[in-house]
Amino acid sequence: MTAHTPGPYYVNGADIMALRPDGSNLPLSLATVYRPIHYGDERDRQAMSANLRLFAAASETAAERDRLKAINAELLAALKMAVITAGLMREGNPPAVCDWPGLEAAWGATLAKAEPDNA
């Protein structure tokens, strides 16, 4: 599978532009967004502008998706460890060697990453 052109992307008129991967200063137009003709008035221009912003934000959106997937993996690992530990505790078999302060700190750090204010 071929990789897409890396961002960041920016808007230039009706075009979605990117920097060339080879580092040259030549313009690289990825796409042209045409004005939809739904209403025949200012709403069409506003829709075109909104579409341009949406497409131009694609690389940042993908980066945020990847960040959230990584946080999700950490949260799942912490939750699995918590479930295993709780099961052992319930059965009266606490882990023989357990760094409770270390676990608490690791789980707390994982949760802190997932908080919306820490994005």
PDB file of N, CA and C in Angstrom:
ATOM      1  N   MET A   1       0.843  -1.178   0.000  1.00  0.00           N
ATOM      2  CA  MET A   1       0.000   0.000   0.000  1.00  0.00           C
ATOM      3  C   MET A   1       0.890   1.244   0.000  1.00  0.00           C
ATOM      4  N   THR A   2       0.596   2.168  -0.862  1.00  0.00           N
ATOM      5  CA  THR A   2       1.347   3.406  -0.968  1.00  0.00           C
ATOM      6  C   THR A   2       0.929   4.364   0.138  1.00  0.00           C
ATOM      7  N   ALA A   3       1.914   5.024   0.732  1.00  0.00           N
ATOM      8  CA  ALA A   3       1.624   5.992   1.795  1.00  0.00           C
ATOM      9  C   ALA A   3       1.116   7.298   1.183  1.00  0.00           C
ATOM     10  N   HIS A   4       0.305   7.997   1.939  1.00  0.00           N
ATOM     11  CA  HIS A   4      -0.193   9.291   1.473  1.00  0.00           C
ATOM     12  C   HIS A   4       0.895  10.349   1.619  1.00  0.00           C
ATOM     13  N   THR A   5       0.703  11.472   0.976  1.00  0.00           N
ATOM     14  CA  THR A   5       1.634  12.583   1.091  1.00  0.00           C
ATOM     15  C   THR A   5       1.576  13.109   2.519  1.00  0.00           C
ATOM     16  N   PRO A   6       2.714  13.189   3.181  1.00  0.00           N
ATOM     17  CA  PRO A   6       2.699  13.645   4.572  1.00  0.00           C
ATOM     18  C   PRO A   6       2.289  15.113   4.682  1.00  0.00           C
ATOM     19  N   GLY A   7       1.658  15.458   5.794  1.00  0.00           N
ATOM     20  CA  GLY A   7       1.268  16.832   6.072  1.00  0.00           C
ATOM     21  C   GLY A   7       2.454  17.593   6.626  1.00  0.00           C
ATOM     22  N   PRO A   8       2.251  18.800   7.065  1.00  0.00           N
ATOM     23  CA  PRO A   8       0.939  19.441   7.179  1.00  0.00           C
ATOM     24  C   PRO A   8       0.422  19.898   5.818  1.00  0.00           C
ATOM     25  N   TYR A   9      -0.901  20.028   5.746  1.00  0.00           N
ATOM     26  CA  TYR A   9      -1.562  20.516   4.552  1.00  0.00           C
ATOM     27  C   TYR A   9      -2.038  21.944   4.833  1.00  0.00           C
ATOM     28  N   TYR A  10      -2.200  22.706   3.782  1.00  0.00           N
ATOM     29  CA  TYR A  10      -2.722  24.061   3.945  1.00  0.00           C
ATOM     30  C   TYR A  10      -3.597  24.404   2.751  1.00  0.00           C
ATOM     31  N   VAL A  11      -4.401  25.427   2.933  1.00  0.00           N
ATOM     32  CA  VAL A  11      -5.343  25.855   1.903  1.00  0.00           C
ATOM     33  C   VAL A  11      -4.741  27.014   1.124  1.00  0.00           C
ATOM     34  N   ASN A  12      -4.850  26.929  -0.183  1.00  0.00           N
ATOM     35  CA  ASN A  12      -4.425  28.017  -1.065  1.00  0.00           C
ATOM     36  C   ASN A  12      -5.531  28.183  -2.104  1.00  0.00           C
ATOM     37  N   GLY A  13      -6.391  29.155  -1.888  1.00  0.00           N
ATOM     38  CA  GLY A  13      -7.543  29.332  -2.773  1.00  0.00           C
ATOM     39  C   GLY A  13      -8.489  28.159  -2.619  1.00  0.00           C
ATOM     40  N   ALA A  14      -8.688  27.406  -3.701  1.00  0.00           N
ATOM     41  CA  ALA A  14      -9.570  26.234  -3.664  1.00  0.00           C
ATOM     42  C   ALA A  14      -8.771  24.933  -3.602  1.00  0.00           C
ATOM     43  N   ASP A  15      -7.448  25.052  -3.390  1.00  0.00           N
ATOM     44  CA  ASP A  15      -6.582  23.877  -3.402  1.00  0.00           C
ATOM     45  C   ASP A  15      -6.115  23.491  -2.001  1.00  0.00           C
ATOM     46  N   ILE A  16      -5.967  22.189  -1.797  1.00  0.00           N
ATOM     47  CA  ILE A  16      -5.321  21.644  -0.610  1.00  0.00           C
ATOM     48  C   ILE A  16      -3.871  21.424  -1.019  1.00  0.00           C
ATOM     49  N   MET A  17      -2.948  22.058  -0.337  1.00  0.00           N
ATOM     50  CA  MET A  17      -1.537  22.031  -0.696  1.00  0.00           C
ATOM     51  C   MET A  17      -0.726  21.311   0.378  1.00  0.00           C
ATOM     52  N   ALA A  18       0.447  20.835  -0.016  1.00  0.00           N
ATOM     53  CA  ALA A  18       1.377  20.215   0.921  1.00  0.00           C
ATOM     54  C   ALA A  18       2.791  20.587   0.502  1.00  0.00           C
ATOM     55  N   LEU A  19       3.707  20.419   1.435  1.00  0.00           N
ATOM     56  CA  LEU A  19       5.111  20.584   1.102  1.00  0.00           C
ATOM     57  C   LEU A  19       5.561  19.335   0.361  1.00  0.00           C
ATOM     58  N   ARG A  20       6.433  19.512  -0.596  1.00  0.00           N
ATOM     59  CA  ARG A  20       6.918  18.356  -1.363  1.00  0.00           C
ATOM     60  C   ARG A  20       7.836  17.501  -0.496  1.00  0.00           C
ATOM     61  N   PRO A  21       7.657  16.183  -0.553  1.00  0.00           N
ATOM     62  CA  PRO A  21       8.517  15.297   0.231  1.00  0.00           C
ATOM     63  C   PRO A  21      10.002  15.426  -0.113  1.00  0.00           C
ATOM     64  N   ASP A  22      10.316  15.874  -1.356  1.00  0.00           N
ATOM     65  CA  ASP A  22      11.725  16.004  -1.754  1.00  0.00           C
ATOM     66  C   ASP A  22      12.350  17.300  -1.245  1.00  0.00           C
ATOM     67  N   GLY A  23      11.540  18.131  -0.555  1.00  0.00           N
ATOM     68  CA  GLY A  23      12.059  19.364   0.032  1.00  0.00           C
ATOM     69  C   GLY A  23      12.108  20.547  -0.912  1.00  0.00           C
ATOM     70  N   SER A  24      11.711  20.368  -2.177  1.00  0.00           N
ATOM     71  CA  SER A  24      11.742  21.497  -3.109  1.00  0.00           C
ATOM     72  C   SER A  24      10.628  22.487  -2.755  1.00  0.00           C
ATOM     73  N   ASN A  25      10.762  23.682  -3.277  1.00  0.00           N
ATOM     74  CA  ASN A  25       9.777  24.730  -2.998  1.00  0.00           C
ATOM     75  C   ASN A  25       8.658  24.791  -4.027  1.00  0.00           C
ATOM     76  N   LEU A  26       8.616  23.840  -4.945  1.00  0.00           N
ATOM     77  CA  LEU A  26       7.563  23.841  -5.950  1.00  0.00           C
ATOM     78  C   LEU A  26       6.225  23.528  -5.281  1.00  0.00           C
ATOM     79  N   PRO A  27       5.155  24.176  -5.711  1.00  0.00           N
ATOM     80  CA  PRO A  27       3.849  23.904  -5.100  1.00  0.00           C
ATOM     81  C   PRO A  27       3.387  22.477  -5.383  1.00  0.00           C
ATOM     82  N   LEU A  28       2.737  21.886  -4.409  1.00  0.00           N
ATOM     83  CA  LEU A  28       2.192  20.539  -4.559  1.00  0.00           C
ATOM     84  C   LEU A  28       0.718  20.590  -4.193  1.00  0.00           C
ATOM     85  N   SER A  29      -0.117  20.588  -5.220  1.00  0.00           N
ATOM     86  CA  SER A  29      -1.561  20.603  -5.004  1.00  0.00           C
ATOM     87  C   SER A  29      -2.051  19.167  -4.883  1.00  0.00           C
ATOM     88  N   LEU A  30      -2.648  18.852  -3.746  1.00  0.00           N
ATOM     89  CA  LEU A  30      -3.172  17.507  -3.515  1.00  0.00           C
ATOM     90  C   LEU A  30      -4.584  17.356  -4.056  1.00  0.00           C
ATOM     91  N   ALA A  31      -5.354  18.422  -3.954  1.00  0.00           N
ATOM     92  CA  ALA A  31      -6.753  18.347  -4.383  1.00  0.00           C
ATOM     93  C   ALA A  31      -7.294  19.748  -4.588  1.00  0.00           C
ATOM     94  N   THR A  32      -8.296  19.826  -5.422  1.00  0.00           N
ATOM     95  CA  THR A  32      -9.040  21.064  -5.599  1.00  0.00           C
ATOM     96  C   THR A  32     -10.461  20.805  -5.131  1.00  0.00           C
ATOM     97  N   VAL A  33     -10.945  21.693  -4.287  1.00  0.00           N
ATOM     98  CA  VAL A  33     -12.295  21.557  -3.752  1.00  0.00           C
ATOM     99  C   VAL A  33     -13.182  22.553  -4.492  1.00  0.00           C
ATOM    100  N   TYR A  34     -14.151  22.027  -5.185  1.00  0.00           N
ATOM    101  CA  TYR A  34     -15.064  22.887  -5.930  1.00  0.00           C
ATOM    102  C   TYR A  34     -16.243  23.276  -5.062  1.00  0.00           C
ATOM    103  N   ARG A  35     -16.767  24.428  -5.357  1.00  0.00           N
ATOM    104  CA  ARG A  35     -17.906  24.927  -4.598  1.00  0.00           C
ATOM    105  C   ARG A  35     -19.148  24.115  -4.947  1.00  0.00           C
ATOM    106  N   PRO A  36     -19.786  23.555  -3.933  1.00  0.00           N
ATOM    107  CA  PRO A  36     -21.039  22.855  -4.218  1.00  0.00           C
ATOM    108  C   PRO A  36     -22.107  23.869  -4.615  1.00  0.00           C
ATOM    109  N   ILE A  37     -22.982  23.469  -5.451  1.00  0.00           N
ATOM    110  CA  ILE A  37     -24.075  24.364  -5.831  1.00  0.00           C
ATOM    111  C   ILE A  37     -25.363  23.747  -5.291  1.00  0.00           C
ATOM    112  N   HIS A  38     -25.592  24.056  -4.031  1.00  0.00           N
ATOM    113  CA  HIS A  38     -26.796  23.562  -3.379  1.00  0.00           C
ATOM    114  C   HIS A  38     -27.862  24.653  -3.302  1.00  0.00           C
ATOM    115  N   TYR A  39     -27.377  25.842  -2.977  1.00  0.00           N
ATOM    116  CA  TYR A  39     -28.318  26.924  -2.685  1.00  0.00           C
ATOM    117  C   TYR A  39     -28.249  28.073  -3.678  1.00  0.00           C
ATOM    118  N   GLY A  40     -27.098  28.247  -4.319  1.00  0.00           N
ATOM    119  CA  GLY A  40     -26.940  29.366  -5.230  1.00  0.00           C
ATOM    120  C   GLY A  40     -26.695  30.682  -4.526  1.00  0.00           C
ATOM    121  N   ASP A  41     -26.191  30.626  -3.288  1.00  0.00           N
ATOM    122  CA  ASP A  41     -25.912  31.855  -2.554  1.00  0.00           C
ATOM    123  C   ASP A  41     -24.667  31.665  -1.687  1.00  0.00           C
ATOM    124  N   GLU A  42     -24.506  32.534  -0.694  1.00  0.00           N
ATOM    125  CA  GLU A  42     -23.326  32.540   0.183  1.00  0.00           C
ATOM    126  C   GLU A  42     -23.110  31.204   0.892  1.00  0.00           C
ATOM    127  N   ARG A  43     -24.156  30.453   1.125  1.00  0.00           N
ATOM    128  CA  ARG A  43     -24.016  29.161   1.820  1.00  0.00           C
ATOM    129  C   ARG A  43     -23.138  28.196   1.020  1.00  0.00           C
ATOM    130  N   ASP A  44     -23.146  28.306  -0.302  1.00  0.00           N
ATOM    131  CA  ASP A  44     -22.283  27.450  -1.117  1.00  0.00           C
ATOM    132  C   ASP A  44     -20.803  27.770  -0.865  1.00  0.00           C
ATOM    133  N   ARG A  45     -20.469  29.066  -0.796  1.00  0.00           N
ATOM    134  CA  ARG A  45     -19.084  29.459  -0.517  1.00  0.00           C
ATOM    135  C   ARG A  45     -18.687  29.018   0.884  1.00  0.00           C
ATOM    136  N   GLN A  46     -19.600  29.135   1.840  1.00  0.00           N
ATOM    137  CA  GLN A  46     -19.307  28.704   3.204  1.00  0.00           C
ATOM    138  C   GLN A  46     -19.084  27.193   3.271  1.00  0.00           C
ATOM    139  N   ALA A  47     -19.864  26.431   2.505  1.00  0.00           N
ATOM    140  CA  ALA A  47     -19.685  24.982   2.461  1.00  0.00           C
ATOM    141  C   ALA A  47     -18.333  24.630   1.853  1.00  0.00           C
ATOM    142  N   MET A  48     -17.933  25.335   0.809  1.00  0.00           N
ATOM    143  CA  MET A  48     -16.632  25.088   0.197  1.00  0.00           C
ATOM    144  C   MET A  48     -15.514  25.382   1.196  1.00  0.00           C
ATOM    145  N   SER A  49     -15.631  26.490   1.901  1.00  0.00           N
ATOM    146  CA  SER A  49     -14.625  26.860   2.895  1.00  0.00           C
ATOM    147  C   SER A  49     -14.537  25.814   4.008  1.00  0.00           C
ATOM    148  N   ALA A  50     -15.684  25.325   4.468  1.00  0.00           N
ATOM    149  CA  ALA A  50     -15.708  24.294   5.510  1.00  0.00           C
ATOM    150  C   ALA A  50     -15.075  23.001   5.002  1.00  0.00           C
ATOM    151  N   ASN A  51     -15.351  22.630   3.758  1.00  0.00           N
ATOM    152  CA  ASN A  51     -14.763  21.430   3.174  1.00  0.00           C
ATOM    153  C   ASN A  51     -13.250  21.563   3.057  1.00  0.00           C
ATOM    154  N   LEU A  52     -12.771  22.731   2.662  1.00  0.00           N
ATOM    155  CA  LEU A  52     -11.331  22.963   2.564  1.00  0.00           C
ATOM    156  C   LEU A  52     -10.666  22.793   3.930  1.00  0.00           C
ATOM    157  N   ARG A  53     -11.261  23.368   4.979  1.00  0.00           N
ATOM    158  CA  ARG A  53     -10.692  23.231   6.324  1.00  0.00           C
ATOM    159  C   ARG A  53     -10.679  21.773   6.768  1.00  0.00           C
ATOM    160  N   LEU A  54     -11.742  21.049   6.448  1.00  0.00           N
ATOM    161  CA  LEU A  54     -11.825  19.633   6.813  1.00  0.00           C
ATOM    162  C   LEU A  54     -10.700  18.838   6.156  1.00  0.00           C
ATOM    163  N   PHE A  55     -10.523  18.994   4.865  1.00  0.00           N
ATOM    164  CA  PHE A  55      -9.489  18.250   4.157  1.00  0.00           C
ATOM    165  C   PHE A  55      -8.089  18.668   4.615  1.00  0.00           C
ATOM    166  N   ALA A  56      -7.892  19.961   4.827  1.00  0.00           N
ATOM    167  CA  ALA A  56      -6.575  20.448   5.237  1.00  0.00           C
ATOM    168  C   ALA A  56      -6.187  19.929   6.622  1.00  0.00           C
ATOM    169  N   ALA A  57      -7.157  19.587   7.461  1.00  0.00           N
ATOM    170  CA  ALA A  57      -6.878  19.092   8.806  1.00  0.00           C
ATOM    171  C   ALA A  57      -6.632  17.583   8.850  1.00  0.00           C
ATOM    172  N   ALA A  58      -6.612  16.931   7.705  1.00  0.00           N
ATOM    173  CA  ALA A  58      -6.503  15.467   7.677  1.00  0.00           C
ATOM    174  C   ALA A  58      -5.256  14.944   8.385  1.00  0.00           C
ATOM    175  N   SER A  59      -4.100  15.559   8.182  1.00  0.00           N
ATOM    176  CA  SER A  59      -2.888  15.027   8.810  1.00  0.00           C
ATOM    177  C   SER A  59      -2.928  15.186  10.324  1.00  0.00           C
ATOM    178  N   GLU A  60      -3.459  16.308  10.810  1.00  0.00           N
ATOM    179  CA  GLU A  60      -3.589  16.492  12.257  1.00  0.00           C
ATOM    180  C   GLU A  60      -4.613  15.527  12.845  1.00  0.00           C
ATOM    181  N   THR A  61      -5.679  15.275  12.094  1.00  0.00           N
ATOM    182  CA  THR A  61      -6.693  14.322  12.545  1.00  0.00           C
ATOM    183  C   THR A  61      -6.100  12.920  12.645  1.00  0.00           C
ATOM    184  N   ALA A  62      -5.301  12.532  11.675  1.00  0.00           N
ATOM    185  CA  ALA A  62      -4.658  11.214  11.705  1.00  0.00           C
ATOM    186  C   ALA A  62      -3.676  11.118  12.867  1.00  0.00           C
ATOM    187  N   ALA A  63      -2.936  12.180  13.130  1.00  0.00           N
ATOM    188  CA  ALA A  63      -1.990  12.172  14.254  1.00  0.00           C
ATOM    189  C   ALA A  63      -2.730  12.032  15.577  1.00  0.00           C
ATOM    190  N   GLU A  64      -3.848  12.717  15.713  1.00  0.00           N
ATOM    191  CA  GLU A  64      -4.644  12.612  16.949  1.00  0.00           C
ATOM    192  C   GLU A  64      -5.207  11.208  17.099  1.00  0.00           C
ATOM    193  N   ARG A  65      -5.656  10.604  15.993  1.00  0.00           N
ATOM    194  CA  ARG A  65      -6.138   9.224  16.037  1.00  0.00           C
ATOM    195  C   ARG A  65      -5.042   8.286  16.540  1.00  0.00           C
ATOM    196  N   ASP A  66      -3.838   8.447  16.016  1.00  0.00           N
ATOM    197  CA  ASP A  66      -2.729   7.588  16.425  1.00  0.00           C
ATOM    198  C   ASP A  66      -2.387   7.786  17.902  1.00  0.00           C
ATOM    199  N   ARG A  67      -2.440   9.039  18.365  1.00  0.00           N
ATOM    200  CA  ARG A  67      -2.179   9.323  19.784  1.00  0.00           C
ATOM    201  C   ARG A  67      -3.216   8.644  20.657  1.00  0.00           C
ATOM    202  N   LEU A  68      -4.474   8.728  20.268  1.00  0.00           N
ATOM    203  CA  LEU A  68      -5.547   8.109  21.046  1.00  0.00           C
ATOM    204  C   LEU A  68      -5.455   6.586  21.028  1.00  0.00           C
ATOM    205  N   LYS A  69      -5.037   6.007  19.916  1.00  0.00           N
ATOM    206  CA  LYS A  69      -4.863   4.554  19.861  1.00  0.00           C
ATOM    207  C   LYS A  69      -3.765   4.111  20.825  1.00  0.00           C
ATOM    208  N   ALA A  70      -2.689   4.874  20.912  1.00  0.00           N
ATOM    209  CA  ALA A  70      -1.601   4.533  21.837  1.00  0.00           C
ATOM    210  C   ALA A  70      -2.068   4.634  23.284  1.00  0.00           C
ATOM    211  N   ILE A  71      -2.818   5.680  23.606  1.00  0.00           N
ATOM    212  CA  ILE A  71      -3.360   5.811  24.965  1.00  0.00           C
ATOM    213  C   ILE A  71      -4.309   4.667  25.259  1.00  0.00           C
ATOM    214  N   ASN A  72      -5.140   4.305  24.291  1.00  0.00           N
ATOM    215  CA  ASN A  72      -6.076   3.202  24.487  1.00  0.00           C
ATOM    216  C   ASN A  72      -5.331   1.901  24.792  1.00  0.00           C
ATOM    217  N   ALA A  73      -4.233   1.643  24.103  1.00  0.00           N
ATOM    218  CA  ALA A  73      -3.449   0.429  24.351  1.00  0.00           C
ATOM    219  C   ALA A  73      -2.899   0.427  25.775  1.00  0.00           C
ATOM    220  N   GLU A  74      -2.414   1.585  26.237  1.00  0.00           N
ATOM    221  CA  GLU A  74      -1.907   1.687  27.612  1.00  0.00           C
ATOM    222  C   GLU A  74      -3.024   1.474  28.628  1.00  0.00           C
ATOM    223  N   LEU A  75      -4.187   2.059  28.354  1.00  0.00           N
ATOM    224  CA  LEU A  75      -5.322   1.900  29.273  1.00  0.00           C
ATOM    225  C   LEU A  75      -5.777   0.443  29.338  1.00  0.00           C
ATOM    226  N   LEU A  76      -5.810  -0.231  28.193  1.00  0.00           N
ATOM    227  CA  LEU A  76      -6.194  -1.642  28.176  1.00  0.00           C
ATOM    228  C   LEU A  76      -5.205  -2.491  28.967  1.00  0.00           C
ATOM    229  N   ALA A  77      -3.923  -2.226  28.812  1.00  0.00           N
ATOM    230  CA  ALA A  77      -2.913  -2.985  29.555  1.00  0.00           C
ATOM    231  C   ALA A  77      -3.060  -2.747  31.055  1.00  0.00           C
ATOM    232  N   ALA A  78      -3.288  -1.511  31.449  1.00  0.00           N
ATOM    233  CA  ALA A  78      -3.463  -1.202  32.870  1.00  0.00           C
ATOM    234  C   ALA A  78      -4.726  -1.850  33.415  1.00  0.00           C
ATOM    235  N   LEU A  79      -5.791  -1.831  32.643  1.00  0.00           N
ATOM    236  CA  LEU A  79      -7.049  -2.433  33.083  1.00  0.00           C
ATOM    237  C   LEU A  79      -6.906  -3.952  33.226  1.00  0.00           C
ATOM    238  N   LYS A  80      -6.227  -4.580  32.273  1.00  0.00           N
ATOM    239  CA  LYS A  80      -6.002  -6.029  32.379  1.00  0.00           C
ATOM    240  C   LYS A  80      -5.221  -6.365  33.646  1.00  0.00           C
ATOM    241  N   MET A  81      -4.184  -5.590  33.938  1.00  0.00           N
ATOM    242  CA  MET A  81      -3.393  -5.824  35.146  1.00  0.00           C
ATOM    243  C   MET A  81      -4.251  -5.615  36.388  1.00  0.00           C
ATOM    244  N   ALA A  82      -5.100  -4.597  36.366  1.00  0.00           N
ATOM    245  CA  ALA A  82      -5.974  -4.343  37.512  1.00  0.00           C
ATOM    246  C   ALA A  82      -6.956  -5.487  37.718  1.00  0.00           C
ATOM    247  N   VAL A  83      -7.511  -6.020  36.645  1.00  0.00           N
ATOM    248  CA  VAL A  83      -8.465  -7.131  36.745  1.00  0.00           C
ATOM    249  C   VAL A  83      -7.767  -8.380  37.286  1.00  0.00           C
ATOM    250  N   ILE A  84      -6.582  -8.671  36.792  1.00  0.00           N
ATOM    251  CA  ILE A  84      -5.830  -9.833  37.281  1.00  0.00           C
ATOM    252  C   ILE A  84      -5.506  -9.661  38.764  1.00  0.00           C
ATOM    253  N   THR A  85      -5.033  -8.473  39.126  1.00  0.00           N
ATOM    254  CA  THR A  85      -4.685  -8.206  40.529  1.00  0.00           C
ATOM    255  C   THR A  85      -5.914  -8.304  41.420  1.00  0.00           C
ATOM    256  N   ALA A  86      -7.043  -7.744  40.986  1.00  0.00           N
ATOM    257  CA  ALA A  86      -8.276  -7.811  41.780  1.00  0.00           C
ATOM    258  C   ALA A  86      -8.730  -9.250  41.957  1.00  0.00           C
ATOM    259  N   GLY A  87      -8.607 -10.063  40.898  1.00  0.00           N
ATOM    260  CA  GLY A  87      -8.983 -11.471  40.998  1.00  0.00           C
ATOM    261  C   GLY A  87      -8.124 -12.213  42.001  1.00  0.00           C
ATOM    262  N   LEU A  88      -6.835 -11.967  41.965  1.00  0.00           N
ATOM    263  CA  LEU A  88      -5.933 -12.603  42.927  1.00  0.00           C
ATOM    264  C   LEU A  88      -6.254 -12.169  44.353  1.00  0.00           C
ATOM    265  N   MET A  89      -6.520 -10.886  44.531  1.00  0.00           N
ATOM    266  CA  MET A  89      -6.851 -10.359  45.867  1.00  0.00           C
ATOM    267  C   MET A  89      -8.158 -10.981  46.364  1.00  0.00           C
ATOM    268  N   ARG A  90      -9.148 -11.090  45.480  1.00  0.00           N
ATOM    269  CA  ARG A  90     -10.443 -11.645  45.872  1.00  0.00           C
ATOM    270  C   ARG A  90     -10.287 -13.096  46.325  1.00  0.00           C
ATOM    271  N   GLU A  91      -9.411 -13.823  45.676  1.00  0.00           N
ATOM    272  CA  GLU A  91      -9.195 -15.223  46.024  1.00  0.00           C
ATOM    273  C   GLU A  91      -8.267 -15.387  47.221  1.00  0.00           C
ATOM    274  N   GLY A  92      -7.828 -14.276  47.796  1.00  0.00           N
ATOM    275  CA  GLY A  92      -6.936 -14.347  48.949  1.00  0.00           C
ATOM    276  C   GLY A  92      -5.503 -14.670  48.581  1.00  0.00           C
ATOM    277  N   ASN A  93      -5.158 -14.462  47.329  1.00  0.00           N
ATOM    278  CA  ASN A  93      -3.799 -14.740  46.855  1.00  0.00           C
ATOM    279  C   ASN A  93      -3.172 -13.472  46.281  1.00  0.00           C
ATOM    280  N   PRO A  94      -2.889 -12.507  47.120  1.00  0.00           N
ATOM    281  CA  PRO A  94      -2.281 -11.294  46.570  1.00  0.00           C
ATOM    282  C   PRO A  94      -0.942 -11.632  45.920  1.00  0.00           C
ATOM    283  N   PRO A  95      -0.586 -10.894  44.903  1.00  0.00           N
ATOM    284  CA  PRO A  95       0.697 -11.158  44.250  1.00  0.00           C
ATOM    285  C   PRO A  95       1.824 -11.170  45.274  1.00  0.00           C
ATOM    286  N   ALA A  96       2.691 -12.180  45.187  1.00  0.00           N
ATOM    287  CA  ALA A  96       3.778 -12.327  46.153  1.00  0.00           C
ATOM    288  C   ALA A  96       4.721 -11.131  46.103  1.00  0.00           C
ATOM    289  N   VAL A  97       5.041 -10.727  44.912  1.00  0.00           N
ATOM    290  CA  VAL A  97       5.926  -9.576  44.756  1.00  0.00           C
ATOM    291  C   VAL A  97       5.135  -8.528  43.994  1.00  0.00           C
ATOM    292  N   CYS A  98       4.873  -7.445  44.675  1.00  0.00           N
ATOM    293  CA  CYS A  98       4.083  -6.405  44.011  1.00  0.00           C
ATOM    294  C   CYS A  98       4.556  -5.044  44.488  1.00  0.00           C
ATOM    295  N   ASP A  99       4.882  -4.220  43.552  1.00  0.00           N
ATOM    296  CA  ASP A  99       5.308  -2.857  43.841  1.00  0.00           C
ATOM    297  C   ASP A  99       4.065  -1.969  43.780  1.00  0.00           C
ATOM    298  N   TRP A 100       3.281  -1.974  44.875  1.00  0.00           N
ATOM    299  CA  TRP A 100       2.023  -1.221  44.881  1.00  0.00           C
ATOM    300  C   TRP A 100       2.225   0.258  44.561  1.00  0.00           C
ATOM    301  N   PRO A 101       3.189   0.937  45.193  1.00  0.00           N
ATOM    302  CA  PRO A 101       3.374   2.357  44.828  1.00  0.00           C
ATOM    303  C   PRO A 101       3.743   2.529  43.354  1.00  0.00           C
ATOM    304  N   GLY A 102       4.548   1.601  42.826  1.00  0.00           N
ATOM    305  CA  GLY A 102       4.918   1.684  41.410  1.00  0.00           C
ATOM    306  C   GLY A 102       3.725   1.466  40.494  1.00  0.00           C
ATOM    307  N   LEU A 103       2.880   0.475  40.851  1.00  0.00           N
ATOM    308  CA  LEU A 103       1.667   0.225  40.058  1.00  0.00           C
ATOM    309  C   LEU A 103       0.740   1.429  40.102  1.00  0.00           C
ATOM    310  N   GLU A 104       0.558   1.966  41.289  1.00  0.00           N
ATOM    311  CA  GLU A 104      -0.322   3.126  41.434  1.00  0.00           C
ATOM    312  C   GLU A 104       0.190   4.300  40.606  1.00  0.00           C
ATOM    313  N   ALA A 105       1.489   4.527  40.632  1.00  0.00           N
ATOM    314  CA  ALA A 105       2.072   5.626  39.858  1.00  0.00           C
ATOM    315  C   ALA A 105       1.921   5.380  38.357  1.00  0.00           C
ATOM    316  N   ALA A 106       2.174   4.140  37.917  1.00  0.00           N
ATOM    317  CA  ALA A 106       2.055   3.824  36.486  1.00  0.00           C
ATOM    318  C   ALA A 106       0.617   3.965  36.015  1.00  0.00           C
ATOM    319  N   TRP A 107      -0.315   3.425  36.795  1.00  0.00           N
ATOM    320  CA  TRP A 107      -1.726   3.526  36.414  1.00  0.00           C
ATOM    321  C   TRP A 107      -2.185   4.979  36.439  1.00  0.00           C
ATOM    322  N   GLY A 108      -1.732   5.723  37.433  1.00  0.00           N
ATOM    323  CA  GLY A 108      -2.092   7.147  37.510  1.00  0.00           C
ATOM    324  C   GLY A 108      -1.567   7.926  36.318  1.00  0.00           C
ATOM    325  N   ALA A 109      -0.335   7.624  35.898  1.00  0.00           N
ATOM    326  CA  ALA A 109       0.242   8.314  34.741  1.00  0.00           C
ATOM    327  C   ALA A 109      -0.524   7.974  33.465  1.00  0.00           C
ATOM    328  N   THR A 110      -0.929   6.698  33.338  1.00  0.00           N
ATOM    329  CA  THR A 110      -1.707   6.281  32.166  1.00  0.00           C
ATOM    330  C   THR A 110      -3.043   7.000  32.135  1.00  0.00           C
ATOM    331  N   LEU A 111      -3.709   7.053  33.281  1.00  0.00           N
ATOM    332  CA  LEU A 111      -4.996   7.756  33.347  1.00  0.00           C
ATOM    333  C   LEU A 111      -4.832   9.241  33.068  1.00  0.00           C
ATOM    334  N   ALA A 112      -3.755   9.837  33.556  1.00  0.00           N
ATOM    335  CA  ALA A 112      -3.532  11.274  33.340  1.00  0.00           C
ATOM    336  C   ALA A 112      -3.387  11.582  31.852  1.00  0.00           C
ATOM    337  N   LYS A 113      -2.721  10.698  31.104  1.00  0.00           N
ATOM    338  CA  LYS A 113      -2.595  10.904  29.660  1.00  0.00           C
ATOM    339  C   LYS A 113      -3.942  10.923  28.960  1.00  0.00           C
ATOM    340  N   ALA A 114      -4.869  10.137  29.491  1.00  0.00           N
ATOM    341  CA  ALA A 114      -6.172  10.008  28.847  1.00  0.00           C
ATOM    342  C   ALA A 114      -7.120  11.142  29.188  1.00  0.00           C
ATOM    343  N   GLU A 115      -6.774  11.956  30.171  1.00  0.00           N
ATOM    344  CA  GLU A 115      -7.650  13.073  30.540  1.00  0.00           C
ATOM    345  C   GLU A 115      -7.685  14.102  29.410  1.00  0.00           C
ATOM    346  N   PRO A 116      -8.858  14.608  29.083  1.00  0.00           N
ATOM    347  CA  PRO A 116      -8.975  15.574  27.975  1.00  0.00           C
ATOM    348  C   PRO A 116      -8.083  16.803  28.122  1.00  0.00           C
ATOM    349  N   ASP A 117      -7.850  17.258  29.344  1.00  0.00           N
ATOM    350  CA  ASP A 117      -7.030  18.451  29.548  1.00  0.00           C
ATOM    351  C   ASP A 117      -5.562  18.209  29.253  1.00  0.00           C
ATOM    352  N   ASN A 118      -5.144  16.943  29.151  1.00  0.00           N
ATOM    353  CA  ASN A 118      -3.747  16.616  28.915  1.00  0.00           C
ATOM    354  C   ASN A 118      -3.470  16.255  27.458  1.00  0.00           C
ATOM    355  N   ALA A 119      -4.413  16.507  26.583  1.00  0.00           N
ATOM    356  CA  ALA A 119      -4.253  16.152  25.156  1.00  0.00           C
ATOM    357  C   ALA A 119      -3.238  17.067  24.508  1.00  0.00           C
TER     358      ALA A 119
END
